[in-house]
Amino acid sequence: MTNSNTYAPVVKTSNPTLYENHTFHMQKARKYTYNYVAIDEVLVDLYDTMTVKEIAEALNEYPSRINYRVNVLKTLGLIKGKYNMERAELMRTRKVLVTWLDDVDSKLKAHG
């Protein structure tokens, strides 16, 4: 009989070194007293469907702590950003070009 846990932490088993070092972002926390495994698992599962504020409220955590873990997991490539930055850049460029084209059209009208 094998002892298989279907709820085994995905992030902890795939990146055990992630939890070896203590992060000093909380002044009064003792070393190694905070466990990020639960936050990481929720983020991997629900980051696409919930906002950071909703996740923080559900876990009774500070939004800044959730944002910190989001950045760590994004760096590792375990979660992706929610926004398509390439599309945003293209939209910005399009807006500039449309404005420039309007200026050109108005100058052409003036010269008739």
N, C-alpha and C. Protein backbone atom coordinates (compact mmCIF):
# COMPACT_ATOMS: atom_id res chain seq x y z
N MET A 1 0.84 -1.17 0.00
CA MET A 1 0.00 0.00 0.00
C MET A 1 0.89 1.24 0.00
N THR A 2 0.63 2.13 -0.94
CA THR A 2 1.44 3.35 -1.03
C THR A 2 0.72 4.48 -0.34
N ASN A 3 1.48 5.35 0.21
CA ASN A 3 0.93 6.52 0.89
C ASN A 3 1.03 7.70 -0.07
N SER A 4 0.00 7.91 -0.86
CA SER A 4 0.03 9.01 -1.82
C SER A 4 -0.92 10.10 -1.36
N ASN A 5 -0.40 11.29 -1.27
CA ASN A 5 -1.19 12.44 -0.84
C ASN A 5 -1.59 13.22 -2.09
N THR A 6 -2.87 13.26 -2.38
CA THR A 6 -3.32 13.98 -3.58
C THR A 6 -3.27 15.48 -3.38
N TYR A 7 -3.13 15.90 -2.13
CA TYR A 7 -3.06 17.33 -1.83
C TYR A 7 -1.64 17.78 -1.51
N ALA A 8 -0.67 17.09 -2.02
CA ALA A 8 0.73 17.45 -1.78
C ALA A 8 1.02 18.80 -2.41
N PRO A 9 1.78 19.65 -1.74
CA PRO A 9 2.09 20.97 -2.28
C PRO A 9 2.89 20.90 -3.57
N VAL A 10 2.37 21.47 -4.62
CA VAL A 10 3.00 21.42 -5.93
C VAL A 10 4.26 22.26 -5.96
N VAL A 11 4.18 23.48 -5.44
CA VAL A 11 5.32 24.39 -5.50
C VAL A 11 6.44 23.88 -4.60
N LYS A 12 6.11 23.43 -3.43
CA LYS A 12 7.14 22.96 -2.50
C LYS A 12 7.86 21.73 -3.03
N THR A 13 7.14 20.82 -3.69
CA THR A 13 7.79 19.63 -4.21
C THR A 13 8.60 19.94 -5.47
N SER A 14 8.16 20.94 -6.25
CA SER A 14 8.91 21.25 -7.48
C SER A 14 10.09 22.18 -7.21
N ASN A 15 10.00 23.02 -6.17
CA ASN A 15 11.08 23.98 -5.84
C ASN A 15 11.37 23.96 -4.34
N PRO A 16 11.93 22.91 -3.80
CA PRO A 16 12.17 22.87 -2.35
C PRO A 16 13.17 23.92 -1.87
N THR A 17 14.06 24.36 -2.74
CA THR A 17 15.04 25.36 -2.33
C THR A 17 14.41 26.73 -2.10
N LEU A 18 13.21 26.92 -2.60
CA LEU A 18 12.52 28.19 -2.43
C LEU A 18 12.24 28.48 -0.96
N TYR A 19 12.11 27.45 -0.16
CA TYR A 19 11.73 27.62 1.25
C TYR A 19 12.91 27.43 2.20
N GLU A 20 14.12 27.34 1.69
CA GLU A 20 15.28 27.13 2.55
C GLU A 20 15.76 28.41 3.23
N ASN A 21 15.67 29.54 2.55
CA ASN A 21 16.18 30.79 3.11
C ASN A 21 15.05 31.61 3.71
N HIS A 22 15.36 32.27 4.82
CA HIS A 22 14.39 33.13 5.48
C HIS A 22 14.39 34.50 4.81
N THR A 23 13.21 35.06 4.60
CA THR A 23 13.11 36.41 4.04
C THR A 23 12.80 37.38 5.16
N PHE A 24 13.52 38.47 5.22
CA PHE A 24 13.42 39.41 6.33
C PHE A 24 12.52 40.59 6.01
N HIS A 25 11.29 40.35 5.53
CA HIS A 25 10.42 41.48 5.23
C HIS A 25 9.51 41.84 6.40
N MET A 26 9.43 41.01 7.40
CA MET A 26 8.63 41.31 8.58
C MET A 26 9.59 41.53 9.75
N GLN A 27 9.58 42.71 10.33
CA GLN A 27 10.56 43.08 11.36
C GLN A 27 10.50 42.21 12.62
N LYS A 28 9.28 41.93 13.10
CA LYS A 28 9.17 41.24 14.38
C LYS A 28 9.05 39.73 14.25
N ALA A 29 9.04 39.21 13.04
CA ALA A 29 8.91 37.77 12.85
C ALA A 29 10.21 37.07 13.21
N ARG A 30 10.09 35.98 13.92
CA ARG A 30 11.28 35.19 14.21
C ARG A 30 11.69 34.43 12.96
N LYS A 31 12.93 34.05 12.92
CA LYS A 31 13.45 33.35 11.75
C LYS A 31 12.71 32.04 11.52
N TYR A 32 12.30 31.82 10.26
CA TYR A 32 11.63 30.61 9.82
C TYR A 32 10.27 30.36 10.50
N THR A 33 9.61 31.42 10.98
CA THR A 33 8.32 31.21 11.63
C THR A 33 7.17 31.29 10.64
N TYR A 34 7.40 31.81 9.47
CA TYR A 34 6.29 31.97 8.53
C TYR A 34 6.43 30.99 7.38
N ASN A 35 5.37 30.30 7.05
CA ASN A 35 5.39 29.29 6.01
C ASN A 35 4.59 29.81 4.81
N TYR A 36 5.23 29.97 3.68
CA TYR A 36 4.59 30.49 2.48
C TYR A 36 3.97 29.41 1.60
N VAL A 37 4.05 28.17 1.99
CA VAL A 37 3.57 27.09 1.14
C VAL A 37 2.09 27.25 0.82
N ALA A 38 1.28 27.56 1.82
CA ALA A 38 -0.16 27.69 1.60
C ALA A 38 -0.47 28.83 0.63
N ILE A 39 0.19 29.96 0.81
CA ILE A 39 -0.03 31.10 -0.09
C ILE A 39 0.38 30.74 -1.51
N ASP A 40 1.52 30.10 -1.65
CA ASP A 40 2.01 29.74 -2.98
C ASP A 40 1.07 28.79 -3.69
N GLU A 41 0.53 27.83 -2.97
CA GLU A 41 -0.39 26.87 -3.59
C GLU A 41 -1.67 27.55 -4.06
N VAL A 42 -2.19 28.44 -3.24
CA VAL A 42 -3.40 29.17 -3.62
C VAL A 42 -3.12 30.05 -4.83
N LEU A 43 -1.98 30.70 -4.85
CA LEU A 43 -1.64 31.56 -5.99
C LEU A 43 -1.50 30.77 -7.27
N VAL A 44 -0.86 29.62 -7.21
CA VAL A 44 -0.69 28.80 -8.41
C VAL A 44 -2.06 28.36 -8.94
N ASP A 45 -2.97 28.04 -8.03
CA ASP A 45 -4.29 27.56 -8.44
C ASP A 45 -5.24 28.67 -8.86
N LEU A 46 -5.24 29.80 -8.16
CA LEU A 46 -6.31 30.78 -8.32
C LEU A 46 -5.88 32.16 -8.82
N TYR A 47 -4.61 32.37 -9.09
CA TYR A 47 -4.16 33.71 -9.48
C TYR A 47 -4.81 34.20 -10.77
N ASP A 48 -5.13 33.30 -11.68
CA ASP A 48 -5.77 33.70 -12.94
C ASP A 48 -7.21 34.14 -12.76
N THR A 49 -7.88 33.64 -11.73
CA THR A 49 -9.31 33.91 -11.58
C THR A 49 -9.66 34.89 -10.47
N MET A 50 -8.73 35.15 -9.56
CA MET A 50 -9.01 36.04 -8.44
C MET A 50 -8.00 37.19 -8.41
N THR A 51 -8.42 38.31 -7.83
CA THR A 51 -7.51 39.43 -7.67
C THR A 51 -6.64 39.21 -6.42
N VAL A 52 -5.60 39.99 -6.31
CA VAL A 52 -4.72 39.90 -5.15
C VAL A 52 -5.50 40.25 -3.89
N LYS A 53 -6.36 41.24 -3.98
CA LYS A 53 -7.15 41.65 -2.82
C LYS A 53 -8.09 40.53 -2.38
N GLU A 54 -8.73 39.85 -3.32
CA GLU A 54 -9.62 38.74 -2.98
C GLU A 54 -8.85 37.59 -2.33
N ILE A 55 -7.67 37.29 -2.86
CA ILE A 55 -6.86 36.21 -2.30
C ILE A 55 -6.40 36.59 -0.88
N ALA A 56 -6.00 37.84 -0.70
CA ALA A 56 -5.57 38.30 0.63
C ALA A 56 -6.71 38.20 1.63
N GLU A 57 -7.91 38.59 1.22
CA GLU A 57 -9.05 38.48 2.14
C GLU A 57 -9.39 37.03 2.44
N ALA A 58 -9.34 36.17 1.43
CA ALA A 58 -9.66 34.76 1.65
C ALA A 58 -8.66 34.09 2.58
N LEU A 59 -7.40 34.46 2.48
CA LEU A 59 -6.36 33.85 3.31
C LEU A 59 -6.10 34.63 4.60
N ASN A 60 -6.79 35.76 4.77
CA ASN A 60 -6.58 36.64 5.93
C ASN A 60 -5.11 37.06 6.02
N GLU A 61 -4.58 37.52 4.90
CA GLU A 61 -3.19 37.97 4.80
C GLU A 61 -3.16 39.42 4.33
N TYR A 62 -2.02 40.04 4.48
CA TYR A 62 -1.83 41.39 3.95
C TYR A 62 -1.67 41.32 2.44
N PRO A 63 -2.28 42.25 1.69
CA PRO A 63 -2.10 42.26 0.23
C PRO A 63 -0.63 42.40 -0.17
N SER A 64 0.15 43.12 0.62
CA SER A 64 1.57 43.27 0.29
C SER A 64 2.30 41.94 0.36
N ARG A 65 1.91 41.07 1.29
CA ARG A 65 2.53 39.76 1.38
C ARG A 65 2.16 38.90 0.18
N ILE A 66 0.91 39.02 -0.27
CA ILE A 66 0.47 38.28 -1.46
C ILE A 66 1.22 38.79 -2.69
N ASN A 67 1.34 40.12 -2.81
CA ASN A 67 2.09 40.70 -3.93
C ASN A 67 3.54 40.23 -3.93
N TYR A 68 4.14 40.14 -2.76
CA TYR A 68 5.51 39.66 -2.65
C TYR A 68 5.64 38.25 -3.21
N ARG A 69 4.71 37.37 -2.82
CA ARG A 69 4.77 36.00 -3.30
C ARG A 69 4.44 35.90 -4.79
N VAL A 70 3.55 36.76 -5.28
CA VAL A 70 3.26 36.79 -6.72
C VAL A 70 4.53 37.10 -7.49
N ASN A 71 5.28 38.09 -7.03
CA ASN A 71 6.53 38.44 -7.71
C ASN A 71 7.55 37.30 -7.66
N VAL A 72 7.63 36.61 -6.53
CA VAL A 72 8.56 35.47 -6.41
C VAL A 72 8.16 34.37 -7.39
N LEU A 73 6.86 34.05 -7.44
CA LEU A 73 6.40 32.97 -8.31
C LEU A 73 6.49 33.36 -9.79
N LYS A 74 6.30 34.64 -10.10
CA LYS A 74 6.47 35.10 -11.49
C LYS A 74 7.93 34.96 -11.91
N THR A 75 8.84 35.31 -11.01
CA THR A 75 10.26 35.19 -11.30
C THR A 75 10.65 33.74 -11.60
N LEU A 76 10.04 32.82 -10.88
CA LEU A 76 10.33 31.40 -11.09
C LEU A 76 9.60 30.83 -12.30
N GLY A 77 8.65 31.58 -12.83
CA GLY A 77 7.89 31.12 -13.98
C GLY A 77 6.74 30.19 -13.63
N LEU A 78 6.36 30.16 -12.36
CA LEU A 78 5.26 29.28 -11.94
C LEU A 78 3.90 29.88 -12.23
N ILE A 79 3.81 31.21 -12.28
CA ILE A 79 2.58 31.88 -12.69
C ILE A 79 2.94 32.94 -13.71
N LYS A 80 1.96 33.27 -14.53
CA LYS A 80 2.18 34.28 -15.56
C LYS A 80 1.47 35.57 -15.17
N GLY A 81 1.94 36.68 -15.72
CA GLY A 81 1.28 37.94 -15.49
C GLY A 81 -0.12 37.93 -16.08
N LYS A 82 -1.00 38.71 -15.49
CA LYS A 82 -2.38 38.73 -15.94
C LYS A 82 -2.57 39.60 -17.18
N TYR A 83 -1.71 40.52 -17.37
CA TYR A 83 -1.91 41.49 -18.44
C TYR A 83 -0.93 41.26 -19.58
N ASN A 84 -1.41 41.45 -20.78
CA ASN A 84 -0.59 41.30 -21.97
C ASN A 84 0.09 42.64 -22.24
N MET A 85 1.33 42.77 -21.84
CA MET A 85 2.03 44.05 -21.95
C MET A 85 2.33 44.39 -23.41
N GLU A 86 2.49 43.41 -24.26
CA GLU A 86 2.75 43.68 -25.67
C GLU A 86 1.54 44.38 -26.29
N ARG A 87 0.35 43.92 -25.94
CA ARG A 87 -0.87 44.54 -26.46
C ARG A 87 -0.98 45.97 -25.95
N ALA A 88 -0.67 46.20 -24.70
CA ALA A 88 -0.74 47.56 -24.14
C ALA A 88 0.23 48.49 -24.86
N GLU A 89 1.43 48.00 -25.13
CA GLU A 89 2.42 48.81 -25.84
C GLU A 89 1.94 49.12 -27.27
N LEU A 90 1.36 48.14 -27.92
CA LEU A 90 0.84 48.37 -29.27
C LEU A 90 -0.31 49.38 -29.27
N MET A 91 -1.15 49.32 -28.27
CA MET A 91 -2.26 50.28 -28.17
C MET A 91 -1.73 51.70 -27.94
N ARG A 92 -0.69 51.82 -27.12
CA ARG A 92 -0.07 53.13 -26.89
C ARG A 92 0.52 53.68 -28.19
N THR A 93 1.22 52.83 -28.93
CA THR A 93 1.80 53.23 -30.20
C THR A 93 0.72 53.63 -31.19
N ARG A 94 -0.36 52.87 -31.23
CA ARG A 94 -1.47 53.17 -32.12
C ARG A 94 -2.06 54.54 -31.81
N LYS A 95 -2.21 54.84 -30.52
CA LYS A 95 -2.77 56.14 -30.13
C LYS A 95 -1.88 57.28 -30.59
N VAL A 96 -0.58 57.13 -30.43
CA VAL A 96 0.37 58.16 -30.87
C VAL A 96 0.29 58.33 -32.38
N LEU A 97 0.24 57.23 -33.11
CA LEU A 97 0.19 57.31 -34.57
C LEU A 97 -1.11 57.91 -35.08
N VAL A 98 -2.23 57.59 -34.43
CA VAL A 98 -3.51 58.18 -34.84
C VAL A 98 -3.48 59.69 -34.59
N THR A 99 -2.93 60.11 -33.48
CA THR A 99 -2.81 61.54 -33.19
C THR A 99 -1.93 62.21 -34.23
N TRP A 100 -0.82 61.58 -34.56
CA TRP A 100 0.09 62.13 -35.57
C TRP A 100 -0.61 62.21 -36.92
N LEU A 101 -1.37 61.18 -37.29
CA LEU A 101 -2.10 61.17 -38.55
C LEU A 101 -3.16 62.27 -38.59
N ASP A 102 -3.84 62.51 -37.50
CA ASP A 102 -4.81 63.60 -37.43
C ASP A 102 -4.13 64.95 -37.66
N ASP A 103 -2.96 65.13 -37.07
CA ASP A 103 -2.21 66.38 -37.28
C ASP A 103 -1.82 66.54 -38.75
N VAL A 104 -1.36 65.47 -39.36
CA VAL A 104 -0.97 65.51 -40.77
C VAL A 104 -2.19 65.83 -41.64
N ASP A 105 -3.33 65.21 -41.36
CA ASP A 105 -4.55 65.48 -42.12
C ASP A 105 -5.00 66.93 -41.98
N SER A 106 -4.90 67.47 -40.79
CA SER A 106 -5.31 68.87 -40.59
C SER A 106 -4.36 69.83 -41.34
N LYS A 107 -3.09 69.52 -41.39
CA LYS A 107 -2.14 70.35 -42.13
C LYS A 107 -2.38 70.25 -43.63
N LEU A 108 -2.73 69.06 -44.10
CA LEU A 108 -3.04 68.90 -45.52
C LEU A 108 -4.30 69.68 -45.90
N LYS A 109 -5.28 69.70 -45.03
CA LYS A 109 -6.50 70.47 -45.28
C LYS A 109 -6.20 71.96 -45.34
N ALA A 110 -5.32 72.39 -44.46
CA ALA A 110 -4.97 73.81 -44.41
C ALA A 110 -4.26 74.25 -45.70
N HIS A 111 -3.47 73.37 -46.28
CA HIS A 111 -2.75 73.71 -47.50
C HIS A 111 -3.60 73.44 -48.75
N GLY A 112 -4.76 72.87 -48.55
CA GLY A 112 -5.77 72.64 -49.54
C GLY A 112 -5.46 72.09 -50.80
